[in-house]
PDB file of N, CA and C in Angstrom:
ATOM      1  N   MET A   1     -11.966 -58.023  27.554  1.00  0.00           N
ATOM      2  CA  MET A   1     -10.819 -57.234  27.191  1.00  0.00           C
ATOM      3  C   MET A   1     -11.275 -55.797  26.970  1.00  0.00           C
ATOM      4  N   GLU A   2     -10.568 -54.871  27.544  1.00  0.00           N
ATOM      5  CA  GLU A   2     -10.854 -53.454  27.358  1.00  0.00           C
ATOM      6  C   GLU A   2      -9.715 -52.815  26.583  1.00  0.00           C
ATOM      7  N   LEU A   3     -10.082 -52.016  25.590  1.00  0.00           N
ATOM      8  CA  LEU A   3      -9.107 -51.292  24.784  1.00  0.00           C
ATOM      9  C   LEU A   3      -9.540 -49.841  24.669  1.00  0.00           C
ATOM     10  N   SER A   4      -8.598 -48.944  24.653  1.00  0.00           N
ATOM     11  CA  SER A   4      -8.919 -47.537  24.433  1.00  0.00           C
ATOM     12  C   SER A   4      -8.929 -47.259  22.929  1.00  0.00           C
ATOM     13  N   PHE A   5      -9.499 -46.121  22.548  1.00  0.00           N
ATOM     14  CA  PHE A   5      -9.524 -45.745  21.138  1.00  0.00           C
ATOM     15  C   PHE A   5      -8.116 -45.572  20.599  1.00  0.00           C
ATOM     16  N   VAL A   6      -7.216 -45.059  21.419  1.00  0.00           N
ATOM     17  CA  VAL A   6      -5.831 -44.869  20.998  1.00  0.00           C
ATOM     18  C   VAL A   6      -5.198 -46.215  20.641  1.00  0.00           C
ATOM     19  N   GLU A   7      -5.471 -47.243  21.447  1.00  0.00           N
ATOM     20  CA  GLU A   7      -4.928 -48.576  21.168  1.00  0.00           C
ATOM     21  C   GLU A   7      -5.553 -49.187  19.916  1.00  0.00           C
ATOM     22  N   ILE A   8      -6.854 -49.002  19.756  1.00  0.00           N
ATOM     23  CA  ILE A   8      -7.557 -49.592  18.616  1.00  0.00           C
ATOM     24  C   ILE A   8      -7.148 -48.929  17.306  1.00  0.00           C
ATOM     25  N   ARG A   9      -7.007 -47.610  17.295  1.00  0.00           N
ATOM     26  CA  ARG A   9      -6.712 -46.929  16.032  1.00  0.00           C
ATOM     27  C   ARG A   9      -5.302 -47.200  15.521  1.00  0.00           C
ATOM     28  N   GLU A  10      -4.433 -47.751  16.346  1.00  0.00           N
ATOM     29  CA  GLU A  10      -3.086 -48.111  15.916  1.00  0.00           C
ATOM     30  C   GLU A  10      -3.042 -49.450  15.193  1.00  0.00           C
ATOM     31  N   LYS A  11      -4.084 -50.236  15.313  1.00  0.00           N
ATOM     32  CA  LYS A  11      -4.107 -51.575  14.724  1.00  0.00           C
ATOM     33  C   LYS A  11      -4.557 -51.523  13.261  1.00  0.00           C
ATOM     34  N   GLU A  12      -3.925 -52.325  12.436  1.00  0.00           N
ATOM     35  CA  GLU A  12      -4.278 -52.446  11.010  1.00  0.00           C
ATOM     36  C   GLU A  12      -5.542 -53.300  10.900  1.00  0.00           C
ATOM     37  N   ILE A  13      -6.461 -52.899  10.015  1.00  0.00           N
ATOM     38  CA  ILE A  13      -7.686 -53.666   9.781  1.00  0.00           C
ATOM     39  C   ILE A  13      -7.479 -54.520   8.541  1.00  0.00           C
ATOM     40  N   ILE A  14      -7.734 -55.831   8.657  1.00  0.00           N
ATOM     41  CA  ILE A  14      -7.576 -56.763   7.539  1.00  0.00           C
ATOM     42  C   ILE A  14      -8.900 -57.493   7.327  1.00  0.00           C
ATOM     43  N   ASN A  15      -9.361 -57.521   6.064  1.00  0.00           N
ATOM     44  CA  ASN A  15     -10.568 -58.263   5.719  1.00  0.00           C
ATOM     45  C   ASN A  15     -10.164 -59.703   5.417  1.00  0.00           C
ATOM     46  N   ILE A  16     -10.635 -60.650   6.215  1.00  0.00           N
ATOM     47  CA  ILE A  16     -10.249 -62.048   6.003  1.00  0.00           C
ATOM     48  C   ILE A  16     -10.974 -62.664   4.813  1.00  0.00           C
ATOM     49  N   TYR A  17     -11.995 -61.978   4.294  1.00  0.00           N
ATOM     50  CA  TYR A  17     -12.689 -62.489   3.113  1.00  0.00           C
ATOM     51  C   TYR A  17     -11.789 -62.469   1.884  1.00  0.00           C
ATOM     52  N   ASP A  18     -11.048 -61.351   1.699  1.00  0.00           N
ATOM     53  CA  ASP A  18     -10.192 -61.239   0.517  1.00  0.00           C
ATOM     54  C   ASP A  18      -8.741 -60.877   0.840  1.00  0.00           C
ATOM     55  N   GLY A  19      -8.412 -60.739   2.117  1.00  0.00           N
ATOM     56  CA  GLY A  19      -7.036 -60.465   2.524  1.00  0.00           C
ATOM     57  C   GLY A  19      -6.589 -59.025   2.358  1.00  0.00           C
ATOM     58  N   LYS A  20      -7.487 -58.110   2.017  1.00  0.00           N
ATOM     59  CA  LYS A  20      -7.107 -56.708   1.798  1.00  0.00           C
ATOM     60  C   LYS A  20      -6.903 -55.978   3.117  1.00  0.00           C
ATOM     61  N   LYS A  21      -5.905 -55.086   3.095  1.00  0.00           N
ATOM     62  CA  LYS A  21      -5.690 -54.191   4.220  1.00  0.00           C
ATOM     63  C   LYS A  21      -6.613 -52.992   4.030  1.00  0.00           C
ATOM     64  N   LEU A  22      -7.404 -52.695   5.039  1.00  0.00           N
ATOM     65  CA  LEU A  22      -8.358 -51.602   4.945  1.00  0.00           C
ATOM     66  C   LEU A  22      -7.846 -50.326   5.595  1.00  0.00           C
ATOM     67  N   GLY A  23      -6.727 -50.387   6.257  1.00  0.00           N
ATOM     68  CA  GLY A  23      -6.185 -49.201   6.909  1.00  0.00           C
ATOM     69  C   GLY A  23      -6.419 -49.248   8.401  1.00  0.00           C
ATOM     70  N   HIS A  24      -6.513 -48.078   8.993  1.00  0.00           N
ATOM     71  CA  HIS A  24      -6.702 -47.950  10.433  1.00  0.00           C
ATOM     72  C   HIS A  24      -8.055 -47.311  10.723  1.00  0.00           C
ATOM     73  N   ILE A  25      -8.592 -47.586  11.883  1.00  0.00           N
ATOM     74  CA  ILE A  25      -9.885 -47.036  12.288  1.00  0.00           C
ATOM     75  C   ILE A  25      -9.773 -45.525  12.420  1.00  0.00           C
ATOM     76  N   ILE A  26     -10.749 -44.823  11.829  1.00  0.00           N
ATOM     77  CA  ILE A  26     -10.747 -43.366  11.922  1.00  0.00           C
ATOM     78  C   ILE A  26     -11.878 -42.842  12.810  1.00  0.00           C
ATOM     79  N   ASP A  27     -12.861 -43.710  13.107  1.00  0.00           N
ATOM     80  CA  ASP A  27     -13.983 -43.266  13.933  1.00  0.00           C
ATOM     81  C   ASP A  27     -14.690 -44.483  14.522  1.00  0.00           C
ATOM     82  N   ILE A  28     -15.417 -44.261  15.604  1.00  0.00           N
ATOM     83  CA  ILE A  28     -16.217 -45.311  16.240  1.00  0.00           C
ATOM     84  C   ILE A  28     -17.667 -44.840  16.251  1.00  0.00           C
ATOM     85  N   VAL A  29     -18.586 -45.753  15.956  1.00  0.00           N
ATOM     86  CA  VAL A  29     -20.014 -45.448  16.003  1.00  0.00           C
ATOM     87  C   VAL A  29     -20.593 -46.178  17.208  1.00  0.00           C
ATOM     88  N   PHE A  30     -21.307 -45.440  18.050  1.00  0.00           N
ATOM     89  CA  PHE A  30     -21.927 -46.078  19.205  1.00  0.00           C
ATOM     90  C   PHE A  30     -23.342 -45.567  19.392  1.00  0.00           C
ATOM     91  N   ASP A  31     -24.136 -46.349  20.120  1.00  0.00           N
ATOM     92  CA  ASP A  31     -25.516 -46.000  20.419  1.00  0.00           C
ATOM     93  C   ASP A  31     -25.495 -45.025  21.591  1.00  0.00           C
ATOM     94  N   ALA A  32     -26.028 -43.837  21.396  1.00  0.00           N
ATOM     95  CA  ALA A  32     -25.974 -42.808  22.428  1.00  0.00           C
ATOM     96  C   ALA A  32     -26.811 -43.176  23.657  1.00  0.00           C
ATOM     97  N   LEU A  33     -27.868 -43.938  23.476  1.00  0.00           N
ATOM     98  CA  LEU A  33     -28.723 -44.293  24.613  1.00  0.00           C
ATOM     99  C   LEU A  33     -28.104 -45.385  25.474  1.00  0.00           C
ATOM    100  N   SER A  34     -27.609 -46.435  24.843  1.00  0.00           N
ATOM    101  CA  SER A  34     -27.071 -47.553  25.620  1.00  0.00           C
ATOM    102  C   SER A  34     -25.562 -47.440  25.853  1.00  0.00           C
ATOM    103  N   GLY A  35     -24.870 -46.697  24.990  1.00  0.00           N
ATOM    104  CA  GLY A  35     -23.425 -46.574  25.111  1.00  0.00           C
ATOM    105  C   GLY A  35     -22.659 -47.718  24.483  1.00  0.00           C
ATOM    106  N   HIS A  36     -23.350 -48.650  23.837  1.00  0.00           N
ATOM    107  CA  HIS A  36     -22.696 -49.791  23.198  1.00  0.00           C
ATOM    108  C   HIS A  36     -22.105 -49.398  21.847  1.00  0.00           C
ATOM    109  N   VAL A  37     -20.954 -49.962  21.540  1.00  0.00           N
ATOM    110  CA  VAL A  37     -20.309 -49.725  20.256  1.00  0.00           C
ATOM    111  C   VAL A  37     -21.064 -50.485  19.174  1.00  0.00           C
ATOM    112  N   LYS A  38     -21.443 -49.786  18.095  1.00  0.00           N
ATOM    113  CA  LYS A  38     -22.143 -50.414  16.974  1.00  0.00           C
ATOM    114  C   LYS A  38     -21.184 -50.831  15.877  1.00  0.00           C
ATOM    115  N   GLY A  39     -20.044 -50.130  15.755  1.00  0.00           N
ATOM    116  CA  GLY A  39     -19.090 -50.482  14.714  1.00  0.00           C
ATOM    117  C   GLY A  39     -17.984 -49.450  14.598  1.00  0.00           C
ATOM    118  N   PHE A  40     -17.129 -49.678  13.592  1.00  0.00           N
ATOM    119  CA  PHE A  40     -15.986 -48.816  13.330  1.00  0.00           C
ATOM    120  C   PHE A  40     -16.061 -48.263  11.922  1.00  0.00           C
ATOM    121  N   ILE A  41     -15.408 -47.142  11.707  1.00  0.00           N
ATOM    122  CA  ILE A  41     -15.307 -46.534  10.386  1.00  0.00           C
ATOM    123  C   ILE A  41     -13.841 -46.584   9.957  1.00  0.00           C
ATOM    124  N   VAL A  42     -13.609 -47.076   8.742  1.00  0.00           N
ATOM    125  CA  VAL A  42     -12.268 -47.062   8.152  1.00  0.00           C
ATOM    126  C   VAL A  42     -12.345 -46.306   6.837  1.00  0.00           C
ATOM    127  N   PRO A  43     -11.212 -45.740   6.377  1.00  0.00           N
ATOM    128  CA  PRO A  43     -11.255 -45.022   5.102  1.00  0.00           C
ATOM    129  C   PRO A  43     -11.582 -45.972   3.955  1.00  0.00           C
ATOM    130  N   GLY A  44     -12.322 -45.459   2.986  1.00  0.00           N
ATOM    131  CA  GLY A  44     -12.691 -46.271   1.828  1.00  0.00           C
ATOM    132  C   GLY A  44     -11.521 -46.502   0.893  1.00  0.00           C
ATOM    133  N   ILE A  45     -11.738 -47.356  -0.080  1.00  0.00           N
ATOM    134  CA  ILE A  45     -10.727 -47.646  -1.083  1.00  0.00           C
ATOM    135  C   ILE A  45     -10.578 -46.419  -1.973  1.00  0.00           C
ATOM    136  N   LYS A  46      -9.362 -45.938  -2.088  1.00  0.00           N
ATOM    137  CA  LYS A  46      -9.112 -44.714  -2.857  1.00  0.00           C
ATOM    138  C   LYS A  46      -9.286 -44.968  -4.346  1.00  0.00           C
ATOM    139  N   LYS A  47      -9.921 -44.007  -5.002  1.00  0.00           N
ATOM    140  CA  LYS A  47     -10.111 -44.061  -6.441  1.00  0.00           C
ATOM    141  C   LYS A  47      -9.407 -42.856  -7.045  1.00  0.00           C
ATOM    142  N   PHE A  48      -8.901 -43.008  -8.228  1.00  0.00           N
ATOM    143  CA  PHE A  48      -8.175 -41.923  -8.883  1.00  0.00           C
ATOM    144  C   PHE A  48      -9.090 -40.728  -9.103  1.00  0.00           C
ATOM    145  N   MET A  49      -8.667 -39.579  -8.604  1.00  0.00           N
ATOM    146  CA  MET A  49      -9.365 -38.299  -8.779  1.00  0.00           C
ATOM    147  C   MET A  49     -10.786 -38.288  -8.202  1.00  0.00           C
ATOM    148  N   ARG A  50     -11.066 -39.175  -7.281  1.00  0.00           N
ATOM    149  CA  ARG A  50     -12.385 -39.191  -6.651  1.00  0.00           C
ATOM    150  C   ARG A  50     -12.208 -39.366  -5.153  1.00  0.00           C
ATOM    151  N   ARG A  51     -13.106 -38.793  -4.417  1.00  0.00           N
ATOM    152  CA  ARG A  51     -13.099 -38.952  -2.972  1.00  0.00           C
ATOM    153  C   ARG A  51     -13.614 -40.350  -2.639  1.00  0.00           C
ATOM    154  N   SER A  52     -12.918 -41.040  -1.770  1.00  0.00           N
ATOM    155  CA  SER A  52     -13.374 -42.368  -1.393  1.00  0.00           C
ATOM    156  C   SER A  52     -14.445 -42.263  -0.314  1.00  0.00           C
ATOM    157  N   GLU A  53     -15.336 -43.235  -0.296  1.00  0.00           N
ATOM    158  CA  GLU A  53     -16.380 -43.267   0.716  1.00  0.00           C
ATOM    159  C   GLU A  53     -15.909 -44.165   1.850  1.00  0.00           C
ATOM    160  N   ASP A  54     -16.148 -43.716   3.070  1.00  0.00           N
ATOM    161  CA  ASP A  54     -15.725 -44.485   4.224  1.00  0.00           C
ATOM    162  C   ASP A  54     -16.506 -45.792   4.320  1.00  0.00           C
ATOM    163  N   ILE A  55     -15.897 -46.768   4.984  1.00  0.00           N
ATOM    164  CA  ILE A  55     -16.513 -48.080   5.142  1.00  0.00           C
ATOM    165  C   ILE A  55     -16.901 -48.266   6.603  1.00  0.00           C
ATOM    166  N   PHE A  56     -18.144 -48.675   6.842  1.00  0.00           N
ATOM    167  CA  PHE A  56     -18.634 -48.970   8.184  1.00  0.00           C
ATOM    168  C   PHE A  56     -18.476 -50.461   8.437  1.00  0.00           C
ATOM    169  N   ILE A  57     -17.833 -50.808   9.530  1.00  0.00           N
ATOM    170  CA  ILE A  57     -17.655 -52.216   9.904  1.00  0.00           C
ATOM    171  C   ILE A  57     -18.503 -52.477  11.142  1.00  0.00           C
ATOM    172  N   PRO A  58     -19.607 -53.222  10.995  1.00  0.00           N
ATOM    173  CA  PRO A  58     -20.424 -53.543  12.171  1.00  0.00           C
ATOM    174  C   PRO A  58     -19.620 -54.367  13.173  1.00  0.00           C
ATOM    175  N   ILE A  59     -19.913 -54.183  14.430  1.00  0.00           N
ATOM    176  CA  ILE A  59     -19.181 -54.885  15.486  1.00  0.00           C
ATOM    177  C   ILE A  59     -19.322 -56.400  15.338  1.00  0.00           C
ATOM    178  N   SER A  60     -20.420 -56.859  14.757  1.00  0.00           N
ATOM    179  CA  SER A  60     -20.632 -58.301  14.559  1.00  0.00           C
ATOM    180  C   SER A  60     -19.695 -58.888  13.503  1.00  0.00           C
ATOM    181  N   ASN A  61     -19.094 -58.044  12.674  1.00  0.00           N
ATOM    182  CA  ASN A  61     -18.185 -58.513  11.624  1.00  0.00           C
ATOM    183  C   ASN A  61     -16.732 -58.590  12.085  1.00  0.00           C
ATOM    184  N   ILE A  62     -16.464 -58.178  13.300  1.00  0.00           N
ATOM    185  CA  ILE A  62     -15.103 -58.273  13.830  1.00  0.00           C
ATOM    186  C   ILE A  62     -14.899 -59.698  14.323  1.00  0.00           C
ATOM    187  N   LYS A  63     -13.891 -60.356  13.762  1.00  0.00           N
ATOM    188  CA  LYS A  63     -13.655 -61.767  14.088  1.00  0.00           C
ATOM    189  C   LYS A  63     -12.567 -61.965  15.132  1.00  0.00           C
ATOM    190  N   LYS A  64     -11.526 -61.129  15.111  1.00  0.00           N
ATOM    191  CA  LYS A  64     -10.419 -61.303  16.050  1.00  0.00           C
ATOM    192  C   LYS A  64      -9.688 -59.984  16.216  1.00  0.00           C
ATOM    193  N   ILE A  65      -9.375 -59.645  17.465  1.00  0.00           N
ATOM    194  CA  ILE A  65      -8.544 -58.482  17.756  1.00  0.00           C
ATOM    195  C   ILE A  65      -7.232 -59.012  18.300  1.00  0.00           C
ATOM    196  N   GLY A  66      -6.173 -58.818  17.528  1.00  0.00           N
ATOM    197  CA  GLY A  66      -4.855 -59.282  17.921  1.00  0.00           C
ATOM    198  C   GLY A  66      -4.022 -58.155  18.483  1.00  0.00           C
ATOM    199  N   SER A  67      -2.745 -58.431  18.698  1.00  0.00           N
ATOM    200  CA  SER A  67      -1.860 -57.424  19.280  1.00  0.00           C
ATOM    201  C   SER A  67      -1.542 -56.288  18.304  1.00  0.00           C
ATOM    202  N   ASP A  68      -1.565 -56.570  16.986  1.00  0.00           N
ATOM    203  CA  ASP A  68      -1.251 -55.521  16.021  1.00  0.00           C
ATOM    204  C   ASP A  68      -2.236 -55.424  14.868  1.00  0.00           C
ATOM    205  N   VAL A  69      -3.198 -56.336  14.756  1.00  0.00           N
ATOM    206  CA  VAL A  69      -4.211 -56.267  13.697  1.00  0.00           C
ATOM    207  C   VAL A  69      -5.600 -56.593  14.255  1.00  0.00           C
ATOM    208  N   ILE A  70      -6.596 -56.122  13.524  1.00  0.00           N
ATOM    209  CA  ILE A  70      -7.990 -56.490  13.789  1.00  0.00           C
ATOM    210  C   ILE A  70      -8.488 -57.177  12.531  1.00  0.00           C
ATOM    211  N   MET A  71      -8.961 -58.404  12.668  1.00  0.00           N
ATOM    212  CA  MET A  71      -9.448 -59.157  11.518  1.00  0.00           C
ATOM    213  C   MET A  71     -10.969 -59.053  11.466  1.00  0.00           C
ATOM    214  N   VAL A  72     -11.460 -58.647  10.291  1.00  0.00           N
ATOM    215  CA  VAL A  72     -12.899 -58.499  10.073  1.00  0.00           C
ATOM    216  C   VAL A  72     -13.292 -59.326   8.858  1.00  0.00           C
ATOM    217  N   LYS A  73     -14.573 -59.617   8.745  1.00  0.00           N
ATOM    218  CA  LYS A  73     -15.059 -60.322   7.557  1.00  0.00           C
ATOM    219  C   LYS A  73     -16.169 -59.498   6.930  1.00  0.00           C
ATOM    220  N   LEU A  74     -15.837 -58.874   5.789  1.00  0.00           N
ATOM    221  CA  LEU A  74     -16.806 -58.116   5.010  1.00  0.00           C
ATOM    222  C   LEU A  74     -17.026 -58.887   3.720  1.00  0.00           C
ATOM    223  N   SER A  75     -18.179 -59.511   3.611  1.00  0.00           N
ATOM    224  CA  SER A  75     -18.468 -60.318   2.432  1.00  0.00           C
ATOM    225  C   SER A  75     -19.261 -59.512   1.420  1.00  0.00           C
ATOM    226  N   PRO A  76     -19.318 -59.999   0.165  1.00  0.00           N
ATOM    227  CA  PRO A  76     -19.976 -59.227  -0.904  1.00  0.00           C
ATOM    228  C   PRO A  76     -21.464 -59.030  -0.675  1.00  0.00           C
ATOM    229  N   ASN A  77     -21.943 -57.960  -1.275  1.00  0.00           N
ATOM    230  CA  ASN A  77     -23.371 -57.693  -1.292  1.00  0.00           C
ATOM    231  C   ASN A  77     -23.956 -58.508  -2.439  1.00  0.00           C
ATOM    232  N   GLU A  78     -24.802 -59.443  -2.139  1.00  0.00           N
ATOM    233  CA  GLU A  78     -25.343 -60.349  -3.154  1.00  0.00           C
ATOM    234  C   GLU A  78     -26.298 -59.657  -4.117  1.00  0.00           C
ATOM    235  N   GLU A  79     -26.797 -58.474  -3.763  1.00  0.00           N
ATOM    236  CA  GLU A  79     -27.753 -57.778  -4.623  1.00  0.00           C
ATOM    237  C   GLU A  79     -27.095 -57.127  -5.825  1.00  0.00           C
ATOM    238  N   ILE A  80     -25.788 -56.953  -5.812  1.00  0.00           N
ATOM    239  CA  ILE A  80     -25.092 -56.303  -6.918  1.00  0.00           C
ATOM    240  C   ILE A  80     -24.902 -57.319  -8.042  1.00  0.00           C
ATOM    241  N   THR A  81     -25.374 -57.000  -9.239  1.00  0.00           N
ATOM    242  CA  THR A  81     -25.308 -57.965 -10.331  1.00  0.00           C
ATOM    243  C   THR A  81     -24.508 -57.475 -11.524  1.00  0.00           C
ATOM    244  N   GLU A  82     -24.023 -56.221 -11.498  1.00  0.00           N
ATOM    245  CA  GLU A  82     -23.263 -55.704 -12.639  1.00  0.00           C
ATOM    246  C   GLU A  82     -21.951 -56.456 -12.781  1.00  0.00           C
ATOM    247  N   LYS A  83     -21.459 -56.591 -14.006  1.00  0.00           N
ATOM    248  CA  LYS A  83     -20.255 -57.368 -14.283  1.00  0.00           C
ATOM    249  C   LYS A  83     -19.023 -56.496 -14.526  1.00  0.00           C
ATOM    250  N   ASN A  84     -19.093 -55.238 -14.138  1.00  0.00           N
ATOM    251  CA  ASN A  84     -17.966 -54.332 -14.309  1.00  0.00           C
ATOM    252  C   ASN A  84     -16.790 -54.820 -13.460  1.00  0.00           C
ATOM    253  N   SER A  85     -15.587 -54.931 -14.052  1.00  0.00           N
ATOM    254  CA  SER A  85     -14.443 -55.477 -13.326  1.00  0.00           C
ATOM    255  C   SER A  85     -14.044 -54.595 -12.143  1.00  0.00           C
ATOM    256  N   SER A  86     -14.137 -53.277 -12.282  1.00  0.00           N
ATOM    257  CA  SER A  86     -13.788 -52.418 -11.156  1.00  0.00           C
ATOM    258  C   SER A  86     -14.825 -52.542 -10.044  1.00  0.00           C
ATOM    259  N   LEU A  87     -16.072 -52.790 -10.419  1.00  0.00           N
ATOM    260  CA  LEU A  87     -17.125 -52.995  -9.434  1.00  0.00           C
ATOM    261  C   LEU A  87     -16.907 -54.321  -8.709  1.00  0.00           C
ATOM    262  N   GLU A  88     -16.460 -55.335  -9.426  1.00  0.00           N
ATOM    263  CA  GLU A  88     -16.196 -56.633  -8.807  1.00  0.00           C
ATOM    264  C   GLU A  88     -15.142 -56.508  -7.716  1.00  0.00           C
ATOM    265  N   GLU A  89     -14.134 -55.674  -7.943  1.00  0.00           N
ATOM    266  CA  GLU A  89     -13.073 -55.495  -6.950  1.00  0.00           C
ATOM    267  C   GLU A  89     -13.615 -54.833  -5.684  1.00  0.00           C
ATOM    268  N   LEU A  90     -14.554 -53.908  -5.848  1.00  0.00           N
ATOM    269  CA  LEU A  90     -15.112 -53.189  -4.713  1.00  0.00           C
ATOM    270  C   LEU A  90     -16.346 -53.860  -4.131  1.00  0.00           C
ATOM    271  N   LYS A  91     -16.827 -54.903  -4.756  1.00  0.00           N
ATOM    272  CA  LYS A  91     -18.075 -55.540  -4.382  1.00  0.00           C
ATOM    273  C   LYS A  91     -18.201 -55.862  -2.883  1.00  0.00           C
ATOM    274  N   PRO A  92     -17.178 -56.393  -2.232  1.00  0.00           N
ATOM    275  CA  PRO A  92     -17.348 -56.695  -0.806  1.00  0.00           C
ATOM    276  C   PRO A  92     -17.606 -55.464   0.053  1.00  0.00           C
ATOM    277  N   TYR A  93     -17.242 -54.285  -0.431  1.00  0.00           N
ATOM    278  CA  TYR A  93     -17.307 -53.097   0.398  1.00  0.00           C
ATOM    279  C   TYR A  93     -18.495 -52.200   0.102  1.00  0.00           C
ATOM    280  N   LEU A  94     -19.183 -52.418  -1.015  1.00  0.00           N
ATOM    281  CA  LEU A  94     -20.306 -51.554  -1.381  1.00  0.00           C
ATOM    282  C   LEU A  94     -21.433 -51.643  -0.365  1.00  0.00           C
ATOM    283  N   LYS A  95     -21.629 -52.804   0.196  1.00  0.00           N
ATOM    284  CA  LYS A  95     -22.672 -53.005   1.183  1.00  0.00           C
ATOM    285  C   LYS A  95     -22.403 -52.215   2.465  1.00  0.00           C
ATOM    286  N   TYR A  96     -21.146 -51.894   2.718  1.00  0.00           N
ATOM    287  CA  TYR A  96     -20.750 -51.291   3.984  1.00  0.00           C
ATOM    288  C   TYR A  96     -20.397 -49.816   3.873  1.00  0.00           C
ATOM    289  N   LYS A  97     -20.839 -49.152   2.785  1.00  0.00           N
ATOM    290  CA  LYS A  97     -20.560 -47.723   2.642  1.00  0.00           C
ATOM    291  C   LYS A  97     -21.173 -46.973   3.809  1.00  0.00           C
ATOM    292  N   ARG A  98     -20.422 -46.028   4.313  1.00  0.00           N
ATOM    293  CA  ARG A  98     -20.912 -45.237   5.439  1.00  0.00           C
ATOM    294  C   ARG A  98     -21.991 -44.292   4.961  1.00  0.00           C
ATOM    295  N   THR A  99     -23.095 -44.267   5.650  1.00  0.00           N
ATOM    296  CA  THR A  99     -24.157 -43.315   5.350  1.00  0.00           C
ATOM    297  C   THR A  99     -24.178 -42.289   6.473  1.00  0.00           C
ATOM    298  N   VAL A 100     -24.004 -41.062   6.122  1.00  0.00           N
ATOM    299  CA  VAL A 100     -23.972 -39.993   7.106  1.00  0.00           C
ATOM    300  C   VAL A 100     -25.376 -39.454   7.288  1.00  0.00           C
ATOM    301  N   ARG A 101     -25.831 -39.458   8.517  1.00  0.00           N
ATOM    302  CA  ARG A 101     -27.165 -38.967   8.831  1.00  0.00           C
ATOM    303  C   ARG A 101     -27.134 -37.446   8.882  1.00  0.00           C
ATOM    304  N   LYS A 102     -28.043 -36.790   8.171  1.00  0.00           N
ATOM    305  CA  LYS A 102     -28.087 -35.328   8.147  1.00  0.00           C
ATOM    306  C   LYS A 102     -28.940 -34.841   9.312  1.00  0.00           C
ATOM    307  N   GLU A 103     -28.406 -33.841  10.000  1.00  0.00           N
ATOM    308  CA  GLU A 103     -29.145 -33.220  11.122  1.00  0.00           C
ATOM    309  C   GLU A 103     -30.221 -32.307  10.586  1.00  0.00           C
ATOM    310  N   LYS A 104     -31.354 -32.245  11.275  1.00  0.00           N
ATOM    311  CA  LYS A 104     -32.456 -31.366  10.859  1.00  0.00           C
ATOM    312  C   LYS A 104     -32.293 -30.003  11.478  1.00  0.00           C
TER     313      LYS A 104
END
């Protein structure tokens, strides 16, 4: 199946791990040498008075692309051990924070 970026960015992203809507794809990450798609970027969970960090979804975590939604599975980062309730809510997404590479 071939899809254009315009078609993909119109689809809602849903995490099947917890049923949350993550929004729409805002960027695609690909390997410049091979041209293969490595994953998608979606906006992070908004926090009051703070900038949200984008979430990187590896291509291996995409489970199903439907006509109007893309289902992904982002599971919790097992290394996080803090018991903060707000952290527990964000726990599945902390592992997938987008890291921006700085140019030299």
